[in-house]
Amino acid sequence: MKAAAAKSKTATALSSRFLDAVQFAFAAHSEQTRKGSDTPYIGHLLHVASNVIDAGGTEELAVAALLHDAVEDQGGVKMLTAIREKFGDRVAQIVEACSDSVDGEKRPPWRERKEAYIERLSSADADVRLVSAADKLSNARAIVSDLRTIGERLWDRFNAPKDDQLWYYRAIVFALQDAQSDERVTKVLNELVDVVRQMRELSGGLDSQELLTEAAFYAGASDYRRAIQSARMALVAGATSSQLAEGLEIIERCVDKLEGSKGHVEEAQQDALHHPQNGEKLFYLGLTLSRTGDLSGSTAAYERALKFRKSMCVATLRDCLNNIGWNYFRRGEYAKSLIWFKRSLNTPNPEDPRSYPLALENMVLANARLGRVPAVAKLTEQYVYEIGRLPQYERMIVGKSGIDADLLYVERTKRVAIAN
């Protein structure tokens, strides 16, 4: 009983004023149907009002929702005056703010109208944003439904082409996201984001950079689950190498903020692992996975990258071989790491003269872990020779290897004796 009472206090109370608005909207739009169909337009208006009520909007906002298209589609300034006289200044203000034009005979071009509307929306008050979001949610749902039924032919109904329509809905979402938070608007916006994403996916209009921008926005707003979802979609939408790395970095960062979200990362890794047929992309995937501590996944990505080595520059190829070695090294599999370090050593990179001594250093460390003192002595000599026989470098490499300096000295002495 208490729960029911509490619910009734928060529910929107409707009066005869709402019924008057239904009748007014029906009369204004009586001959209008939804684009490309025989569906009476009043159905859309009732849907928008329902969205407003479900989000916790007042009766005044529900009335504005019913009338939000009357000025733009059915009478312009005269209609706005009639709304003001019958339903008051506040309803008229909201309806006017939700209209991209008031004078139907002198409408600017489509793109110009929409850009101006979006600019106003981002700074509009929460009541206007709620009605606008409810309207766009109703439209987006209808588009998604029709895309699933009749496919791309849907876009022939509109005054602007598909790409412009997709841009418009994405821009609406961004404008609403950029505005000051309001619980009612957020409730509608959350669903609008999902529906617009479905719209773009069904239309083949997903863009990696836009999705990454969206993911970064959500991450900055602490909406980590949505950030992960957007970043995952970016990974399979033709992401470049740098976008792939950026997407995985966003996912990694968001997972740290969420409990029980390891599955998101694993799924994202699989998306990135199986989608790109490009060595550079897979290299960045391996690099990112190693930073998260997933050495097995990282090694798998690197090894798959080698199958597409023709798409990799020499520096990336050498780094790939070296990083596989390091993954095995970090897992204590020193013999395997040595194999990959050697392959890296034997892959020349004339653009980076430092790469050869670094590969030598890695081989020294692996041999030291295996207790192979003679090999360490030989490689240390090569290392010091490569960097100019400077004593401080020799001490550094010996210190890094952790091998007994006396044993190494004895082995070095033997090598000198044999050489002489």
Protein backbone atom coordinates (compact mmCIF):
# COMPACT_ATOMS: atom_id res chain seq x y z
CA MET A 1 0.00 0.00 0.00
CA LYS A 2 2.80 2.39 0.91
CA ALA A 3 4.60 1.63 -2.35
CA ALA A 4 1.42 2.31 -4.33
CA ALA A 5 0.87 5.58 -2.50
CA ALA A 6 4.45 6.69 -3.14
CA LYS A 7 4.06 5.84 -6.80
CA SER A 8 0.85 7.83 -7.12
CA LYS A 9 2.57 10.91 -5.73
CA THR A 10 5.23 10.83 -8.45
CA ALA A 11 2.89 9.94 -11.36
CA THR A 12 1.87 12.72 -13.78
CA ALA A 13 -1.66 13.92 -13.00
CA LEU A 14 -3.72 14.57 -16.18
CA SER A 15 -6.82 16.71 -16.41
CA SER A 16 -9.30 17.80 -19.05
CA ARG A 17 -6.60 20.17 -20.31
CA PHE A 18 -4.71 17.16 -21.69
CA LEU A 19 -7.84 15.94 -23.48
CA ASP A 20 -8.30 19.44 -24.93
CA ALA A 21 -4.75 19.23 -26.28
CA VAL A 22 -5.44 15.81 -27.83
CA GLN A 23 -8.49 17.23 -29.61
CA PHE A 24 -6.55 20.33 -30.69
CA ALA A 25 -3.68 18.21 -32.06
CA PHE A 26 -6.11 15.83 -33.82
CA ALA A 27 -7.85 18.75 -35.52
CA ALA A 28 -4.55 20.39 -36.54
CA HIS A 29 -3.08 17.19 -38.00
CA SER A 30 -6.29 15.47 -39.13
CA GLU A 31 -5.19 15.16 -42.76
CA GLN A 32 -1.52 14.44 -42.03
CA THR A 33 0.07 10.98 -42.05
CA ARG A 34 3.52 9.68 -41.22
CA LYS A 35 6.02 9.99 -44.08
CA GLY A 36 5.62 7.18 -46.61
CA SER A 37 2.67 5.53 -44.84
CA ASP A 38 -1.05 5.77 -44.18
CA THR A 39 -0.54 5.95 -40.40
CA PRO A 40 -2.38 8.94 -38.89
CA TYR A 41 0.08 11.52 -37.57
CA ILE A 42 -1.73 11.76 -34.24
CA GLY A 43 -0.17 8.39 -33.34
CA HIS A 44 3.30 9.98 -33.33
CA LEU A 45 2.09 12.89 -31.18
CA LEU A 46 0.54 10.54 -28.62
CA HIS A 47 3.78 8.54 -28.60
CA VAL A 48 5.83 11.67 -27.86
CA ALA A 49 3.45 12.65 -25.06
CA SER A 50 3.72 9.12 -23.67
CA ASN A 51 7.52 9.38 -23.66
CA VAL A 52 7.32 12.65 -21.73
CA ILE A 53 4.89 11.24 -19.18
CA ASP A 54 6.94 8.05 -18.72
CA ALA A 55 10.01 10.18 -18.01
CA GLY A 56 8.20 12.10 -15.26
CA GLY A 57 7.17 15.18 -17.22
CA THR A 58 4.28 17.34 -16.05
CA GLU A 59 0.91 17.66 -17.76
CA GLU A 60 2.06 20.99 -19.21
CA LEU A 61 4.99 19.24 -20.88
CA ALA A 62 2.73 16.43 -22.10
CA VAL A 63 0.48 19.08 -23.69
CA ALA A 64 3.51 20.69 -25.34
CA ALA A 65 4.53 17.25 -26.61
CA LEU A 66 1.12 16.79 -28.25
CA LEU A 67 1.44 20.19 -29.95
CA HIS A 68 5.18 20.21 -30.71
CA ASP A 69 4.75 19.88 -34.51
CA ALA A 70 1.65 22.02 -34.93
CA VAL A 71 3.52 25.27 -35.59
CA GLU A 72 6.15 23.77 -37.88
CA ASP A 73 3.74 21.66 -39.97
CA GLN A 74 0.30 23.23 -39.61
CA GLY A 75 0.08 27.00 -39.58
CA GLY A 76 3.25 28.75 -38.46
CA VAL A 77 2.81 32.02 -36.57
CA LYS A 78 -1.00 31.86 -36.59
CA MET A 79 -0.93 28.40 -35.05
CA LEU A 80 1.56 29.55 -32.42
CA THR A 81 -0.78 32.39 -31.49
CA ALA A 82 -3.70 29.97 -31.18
CA ILE A 83 -1.68 27.66 -28.92
CA ARG A 84 -0.66 30.56 -26.70
CA GLU A 85 -4.25 31.74 -26.34
CA LYS A 86 -5.61 28.29 -25.50
CA PHE A 87 -2.78 26.65 -23.53
CA GLY A 88 -0.68 29.53 -22.19
CA ASP A 89 2.69 31.16 -22.72
CA ARG A 90 4.81 28.32 -21.34
CA VAL A 91 3.36 25.68 -23.67
CA ALA A 92 3.74 28.07 -26.61
CA GLN A 93 7.38 28.76 -25.66
CA ILE A 94 8.21 25.04 -25.59
CA VAL A 95 6.42 24.38 -28.89
CA GLU A 96 8.24 27.27 -30.56
CA ALA A 97 11.59 26.06 -29.20
CA CYS A 98 10.90 22.57 -30.58
CA SER A 99 10.15 23.93 -34.07
CA ASP A 100 12.98 24.28 -36.58
CA SER A 101 10.95 26.92 -38.44
CA VAL A 102 7.89 29.04 -37.65
CA ASP A 103 7.13 30.55 -41.05
CA GLY A 104 6.31 27.60 -43.28
CA GLU A 105 6.41 29.67 -46.48
CA LYS A 106 9.95 30.97 -45.92
CA ARG A 107 11.77 27.89 -44.66
CA PRO A 108 15.58 27.95 -44.94
CA PRO A 109 17.27 24.91 -46.54
CA TRP A 110 17.03 21.63 -44.58
CA ARG A 111 20.64 21.51 -43.34
CA GLU A 112 20.62 25.16 -42.29
CA ARG A 113 17.41 24.65 -40.27
CA LYS A 114 18.72 21.55 -38.55
CA GLU A 115 22.06 23.10 -37.64
CA ALA A 116 20.30 26.10 -36.10
CA TYR A 117 17.95 23.79 -34.18
CA ILE A 118 20.84 21.74 -32.78
CA GLU A 119 22.66 24.88 -31.69
CA ARG A 120 19.57 26.10 -29.81
CA LEU A 121 18.91 22.69 -28.29
CA SER A 122 22.27 22.42 -26.52
CA SER A 123 21.51 25.59 -24.54
CA ALA A 124 17.74 25.10 -24.15
CA ASP A 125 16.13 24.55 -20.77
CA ALA A 126 15.41 21.04 -19.52
CA ASP A 127 11.69 21.16 -20.40
CA VAL A 128 12.43 21.89 -24.06
CA ARG A 129 15.13 19.21 -24.15
CA LEU A 130 12.74 16.65 -22.67
CA VAL A 131 10.07 17.26 -25.32
CA SER A 132 12.69 17.31 -28.08
CA ALA A 133 14.31 14.07 -26.89
CA ALA A 134 10.87 12.41 -26.63
CA ASP A 135 10.10 13.49 -30.20
CA LYS A 136 13.41 12.22 -31.59
CA LEU A 137 13.02 8.94 -29.71
CA SER A 138 9.63 8.35 -31.33
CA ASN A 139 11.01 9.16 -34.78
CA ALA A 140 14.12 7.03 -34.31
CA ARG A 141 12.07 4.04 -33.15
CA ALA A 142 9.90 4.32 -36.27
CA ILE A 143 12.96 4.51 -38.53
CA VAL A 144 14.56 1.45 -36.93
CA SER A 145 11.31 -0.49 -37.24
CA ASP A 146 10.96 0.41 -40.92
CA LEU A 147 14.62 -0.32 -41.65
CA ARG A 148 14.07 -3.84 -40.38
CA THR A 149 10.93 -4.17 -42.52
CA ILE A 150 11.71 -2.47 -45.85
CA GLY A 151 15.44 -1.75 -45.57
CA GLU A 152 17.24 1.14 -47.28
CA ARG A 153 14.14 2.15 -49.28
CA LEU A 154 13.03 3.89 -46.11
CA TRP A 155 15.38 6.82 -46.77
CA ASP A 156 13.55 7.74 -50.00
CA ARG A 157 10.73 9.14 -47.84
CA PHE A 158 12.79 11.99 -46.43
CA ASN A 159 13.67 15.40 -47.79
CA ALA A 160 17.36 14.89 -46.96
CA PRO A 161 19.52 11.88 -47.93
CA LYS A 162 20.45 9.04 -45.57
CA ASP A 163 23.85 10.42 -44.56
CA ASP A 164 22.32 13.76 -43.58
CA GLN A 165 19.59 12.03 -41.56
CA LEU A 166 22.15 9.90 -39.73
CA TRP A 167 24.24 13.00 -39.05
CA TYR A 168 21.19 14.79 -37.67
CA TYR A 169 20.28 12.12 -35.13
CA ARG A 170 23.89 11.78 -33.98
CA ALA A 171 24.13 15.57 -33.63
CA ILE A 172 20.90 15.63 -31.60
CA VAL A 173 22.33 13.02 -29.24
CA PHE A 174 25.57 14.98 -28.80
CA ALA A 175 23.68 18.24 -28.19
CA LEU A 176 21.55 16.60 -25.50
CA GLN A 177 24.62 14.98 -23.93
CA ASP A 178 26.48 18.30 -23.84
CA ALA A 179 23.65 20.07 -22.03
CA GLN A 180 23.28 20.23 -18.26
CA SER A 181 22.10 16.95 -16.79
CA ASP A 182 18.42 16.46 -15.95
CA GLU A 183 17.05 13.18 -14.62
CA ARG A 184 13.99 13.22 -16.89
CA VAL A 185 15.96 14.06 -20.03
CA THR A 186 18.60 11.46 -19.20
CA LYS A 187 15.96 8.75 -18.95
CA VAL A 188 14.79 9.44 -22.51
CA LEU A 189 18.30 10.15 -23.80
CA ASN A 190 19.63 6.79 -22.65
CA GLU A 191 17.10 5.00 -24.82
CA LEU A 192 17.59 7.44 -27.69
CA VAL A 193 21.31 6.67 -27.74
CA ASP A 194 20.61 2.96 -28.10
CA VAL A 195 17.98 3.42 -30.81
CA VAL A 196 20.15 5.82 -32.83
CA ARG A 197 23.00 3.33 -32.61
CA GLN A 198 20.68 0.62 -33.98
CA MET A 199 19.64 3.00 -36.76
CA ARG A 200 23.23 3.62 -37.77
CA GLU A 201 24.12 -0.05 -37.55
CA LEU A 202 21.19 -1.10 -39.75
CA SER A 203 22.13 1.61 -42.24
CA GLY A 204 25.80 0.68 -42.43
CA GLY A 205 26.62 4.13 -41.10
CA LEU A 206 28.87 3.28 -38.18
CA ASP A 207 32.08 5.28 -38.08
CA SER A 208 34.99 4.31 -35.84
CA GLN A 209 36.08 7.85 -35.02
CA GLU A 210 32.56 8.98 -34.08
CA LEU A 211 32.14 5.90 -31.91
CA LEU A 212 35.47 6.56 -30.20
CA THR A 213 34.43 10.17 -29.60
CA GLU A 214 31.21 8.83 -28.09
CA ALA A 215 33.15 6.33 -25.97
CA ALA A 216 35.47 9.05 -24.69
CA PHE A 217 32.46 11.22 -23.81
CA TYR A 218 30.83 8.43 -21.83
CA ALA A 219 34.09 7.62 -20.07
CA GLY A 220 34.47 11.28 -19.09
CA ALA A 221 30.89 11.26 -17.78
CA SER A 222 31.63 8.11 -15.73
CA ASP A 223 29.14 6.10 -17.81
CA TYR A 224 31.67 3.29 -18.16
CA ARG A 225 29.35 0.59 -19.50
CA ARG A 226 28.24 2.76 -22.41
CA ALA A 227 31.84 3.80 -23.01
CA ILE A 228 32.85 0.14 -23.28
CA GLN A 229 29.94 -0.57 -25.61
CA SER A 230 30.81 2.32 -27.95
CA ALA A 231 34.51 1.45 -27.95
CA ARG A 232 33.71 -2.19 -28.76
CA MET A 233 31.62 -1.08 -31.74
CA ALA A 234 34.49 1.11 -32.95
CA LEU A 235 36.82 -1.89 -33.02
CA VAL A 236 34.70 -3.67 -35.62
CA ALA A 237 33.76 -0.62 -37.69
CA GLY A 238 36.94 -0.45 -39.75
CA ALA A 239 39.19 1.09 -37.11
CA THR A 240 42.70 2.14 -38.09
CA SER A 241 45.68 0.94 -36.07
CA SER A 242 45.72 4.03 -33.87
CA GLN A 243 41.92 3.89 -33.40
CA LEU A 244 42.21 0.24 -32.42
CA ALA A 245 44.76 1.11 -29.75
CA GLU A 246 42.62 4.05 -28.56
CA GLY A 247 39.50 1.90 -28.30
CA LEU A 248 41.20 -0.80 -26.29
CA GLU A 249 42.79 1.81 -24.04
CA ILE A 250 39.33 3.27 -23.30
CA ILE A 251 37.99 -0.20 -22.53
CA GLU A 252 40.94 -0.97 -20.27
CA ARG A 253 40.47 2.32 -18.41
CA CYS A 254 36.72 1.80 -17.95
CA VAL A 255 37.09 -1.78 -16.79
CA ASP A 256 39.25 -0.56 -13.93
CA LYS A 257 36.23 1.47 -12.77
CA LEU A 258 33.72 -1.36 -12.97
CA GLU A 259 33.35 -4.58 -11.07
CA GLY A 260 32.47 -7.75 -12.91
CA SER A 261 33.22 -6.27 -16.33
CA LYS A 262 36.11 -8.49 -17.33
CA GLY A 263 33.82 -10.07 -19.92
CA HIS A 264 33.56 -6.75 -21.76
CA VAL A 265 37.30 -6.63 -22.21
CA GLU A 266 37.52 -10.24 -23.29
CA GLU A 267 34.77 -9.73 -25.85
CA ALA A 268 36.39 -6.54 -27.12
CA GLN A 269 39.71 -8.30 -27.44
CA GLN A 270 38.08 -11.02 -29.50
CA ASP A 271 36.38 -8.41 -31.69
CA ALA A 272 39.70 -6.78 -32.42
CA LEU A 273 41.58 -10.06 -32.73
CA HIS A 274 39.30 -11.61 -35.33
CA HIS A 275 38.21 -8.56 -37.30
CA PRO A 276 41.31 -6.85 -38.72
CA GLN A 277 43.36 -8.55 -41.41
CA ASN A 278 46.19 -6.15 -40.85
CA GLY A 279 49.51 -6.69 -39.10
CA GLU A 280 49.81 -3.15 -37.75
CA LYS A 281 46.34 -3.32 -36.11
CA LEU A 282 47.06 -6.68 -34.55
CA PHE A 283 50.41 -5.41 -33.27
CA TYR A 284 48.65 -2.57 -31.41
CA LEU A 285 46.15 -5.06 -30.05
CA GLY A 286 49.01 -7.21 -28.73
CA LEU A 287 50.66 -4.17 -27.20
CA THR A 288 47.45 -3.15 -25.41
CA LEU A 289 46.72 -6.64 -24.13
CA SER A 290 50.22 -6.94 -22.69
CA ARG A 291 49.64 -3.72 -20.77
CA THR A 292 46.51 -5.22 -19.23
CA GLY A 293 48.50 -8.27 -18.15
CA ASP A 294 46.88 -10.65 -20.66
CA LEU A 295 50.13 -12.13 -21.90
CA SER A 296 48.48 -15.11 -23.60
CA GLY A 297 46.08 -12.88 -25.52
CA SER A 298 48.89 -10.49 -26.36
CA THR A 299 51.07 -13.29 -27.70
CA ALA A 300 48.17 -14.62 -29.80
CA ALA A 301 47.64 -11.16 -31.31
CA TYR A 302 51.36 -10.73 -32.07
CA GLU A 303 51.65 -14.20 -33.62
CA ARG A 304 48.60 -13.57 -35.78
CA ALA A 305 50.07 -10.22 -36.81
CA LEU A 306 53.06 -12.06 -38.23
CA LYS A 307 50.74 -13.76 -40.72
CA PHE A 308 50.17 -10.32 -42.22
CA ARG A 309 53.76 -9.12 -42.02
CA LYS A 310 53.53 -7.61 -45.49
CA SER A 311 51.31 -4.91 -44.03
CA MET A 312 53.87 -4.11 -41.30
CA CYS A 313 56.86 -1.81 -41.50
CA VAL A 314 60.27 -3.23 -40.49
CA ALA A 315 60.26 -1.45 -37.13
CA THR A 316 56.84 -2.87 -36.20
CA LEU A 317 57.85 -6.35 -37.35
CA ARG A 318 60.97 -6.27 -35.19
CA ASP A 319 59.05 -4.90 -32.21
CA CYS A 320 56.45 -7.63 -32.69
CA LEU A 321 59.09 -10.37 -32.54
CA ASN A 322 60.76 -8.74 -29.56
CA ASN A 323 57.48 -8.29 -27.67
CA ILE A 324 56.57 -11.94 -28.10
CA GLY A 325 59.92 -12.72 -26.50
CA TRP A 326 59.15 -10.38 -23.63
CA ASN A 327 55.77 -12.00 -23.05
CA TYR A 328 57.45 -15.38 -22.66
CA PHE A 329 60.16 -13.78 -20.51
CA ARG A 330 57.57 -12.31 -18.16
CA ARG A 331 55.96 -15.73 -17.84
CA GLY A 332 59.30 -17.29 -16.91
CA GLU A 333 59.62 -19.21 -20.18
CA TYR A 334 63.16 -18.01 -20.87
CA ALA A 335 64.07 -20.61 -23.50
CA LYS A 336 61.09 -19.61 -25.63
CA SER A 337 61.80 -15.92 -25.09
CA LEU A 338 65.34 -16.48 -26.34
CA ILE A 339 64.03 -17.89 -29.62
CA TRP A 340 61.96 -14.77 -30.29
CA PHE A 341 64.69 -12.36 -29.16
CA LYS A 342 67.01 -14.05 -31.64
CA ARG A 343 64.48 -13.68 -34.44
CA SER A 344 64.22 -10.00 -33.58
CA LEU A 345 68.00 -9.70 -33.58
CA ASN A 346 68.14 -11.23 -37.07
CA THR A 347 65.56 -8.80 -38.47
CA PRO A 348 67.58 -5.73 -39.42
CA ASN A 349 66.11 -2.28 -39.03
CA PRO A 350 68.43 0.22 -40.73
CA GLU A 351 66.18 3.12 -39.68
CA ASP A 352 66.88 2.52 -35.97
CA PRO A 353 70.55 1.77 -35.17
CA ARG A 354 69.63 1.30 -31.48
CA SER A 355 67.44 -1.72 -32.18
CA TYR A 356 70.37 -4.14 -32.57
CA PRO A 357 72.02 -3.46 -29.18
CA LEU A 358 68.59 -3.55 -27.51
CA ALA A 359 67.97 -7.00 -29.00
CA LEU A 360 71.40 -8.08 -27.75
CA GLU A 361 70.53 -6.83 -24.28
CA ASN A 362 67.32 -8.89 -24.26
CA MET A 363 69.26 -11.99 -25.28
CA VAL A 364 71.77 -11.37 -22.48
CA LEU A 365 68.94 -11.20 -19.94
CA ALA A 366 67.28 -14.40 -21.20
CA ASN A 367 70.57 -16.34 -21.22
CA ALA A 368 71.35 -15.05 -17.74
CA ARG A 369 68.02 -16.38 -16.44
CA LEU A 370 68.94 -19.75 -17.97
CA GLY A 371 72.37 -19.67 -16.28
CA ARG A 372 74.23 -19.74 -19.59
CA VAL A 373 77.32 -17.85 -18.53
CA PRO A 374 79.35 -18.42 -21.74
CA ALA A 375 76.52 -17.07 -23.88
CA VAL A 376 76.14 -14.07 -21.59
CA ALA A 377 79.85 -13.34 -21.86
CA LYS A 378 79.79 -13.52 -25.64
CA LEU A 379 76.67 -11.40 -26.01
CA THR A 380 77.94 -8.84 -23.52
CA GLU A 381 81.05 -8.37 -25.63
CA GLN A 382 78.92 -7.88 -28.71
CA TYR A 383 76.71 -5.45 -26.84
CA VAL A 384 79.58 -3.36 -25.58
CA TYR A 385 81.14 -3.38 -29.03
CA GLU A 386 77.93 -2.13 -30.59
CA ILE A 387 77.59 0.83 -28.24
CA GLY A 388 81.26 1.79 -28.31
CA ARG A 389 82.97 -0.28 -25.58
CA LEU A 390 82.04 2.17 -22.83
CA PRO A 391 82.63 0.62 -19.34
CA GLN A 392 79.46 2.08 -17.83
CA TYR A 393 77.33 0.24 -20.38
CA GLU A 394 79.11 -3.00 -19.65
CA ARG A 395 78.44 -2.58 -15.93
CA MET A 396 74.83 -1.73 -16.68
CA ILE A 397 74.16 -4.84 -18.74
CA VAL A 398 75.88 -7.06 -16.21
CA GLY A 399 73.83 -5.47 -13.45
CA LYS A 400 70.60 -6.00 -15.38
CA SER A 401 71.34 -9.65 -16.09
CA GLY A 402 71.72 -10.45 -12.38
CA ILE A 403 74.52 -12.90 -13.19
CA ASP A 404 77.48 -13.32 -10.87
CA ALA A 405 80.13 -10.79 -11.96
CA ASP A 406 83.01 -13.07 -10.90
CA LEU A 407 81.71 -15.94 -13.02
CA LEU A 408 81.31 -13.61 -15.94
CA TYR A 409 84.86 -12.28 -15.46
CA VAL A 410 86.25 -15.84 -15.50
CA GLU A 411 84.33 -16.64 -18.66
CA ARG A 412 85.49 -13.45 -20.31
CA THR A 413 89.10 -14.26 -19.40
CA LYS A 414 88.73 -17.69 -21.02
CA ARG A 415 87.39 -16.13 -24.20
CA VAL A 416 90.31 -13.68 -24.36
CA ALA A 417 92.81 -16.53 -23.85
CA ILE A 418 91.20 -18.59 -26.61
CA ALA A 419 91.13 -15.60 -28.96
CA ASN A 420 94.87 -15.04 -28.40
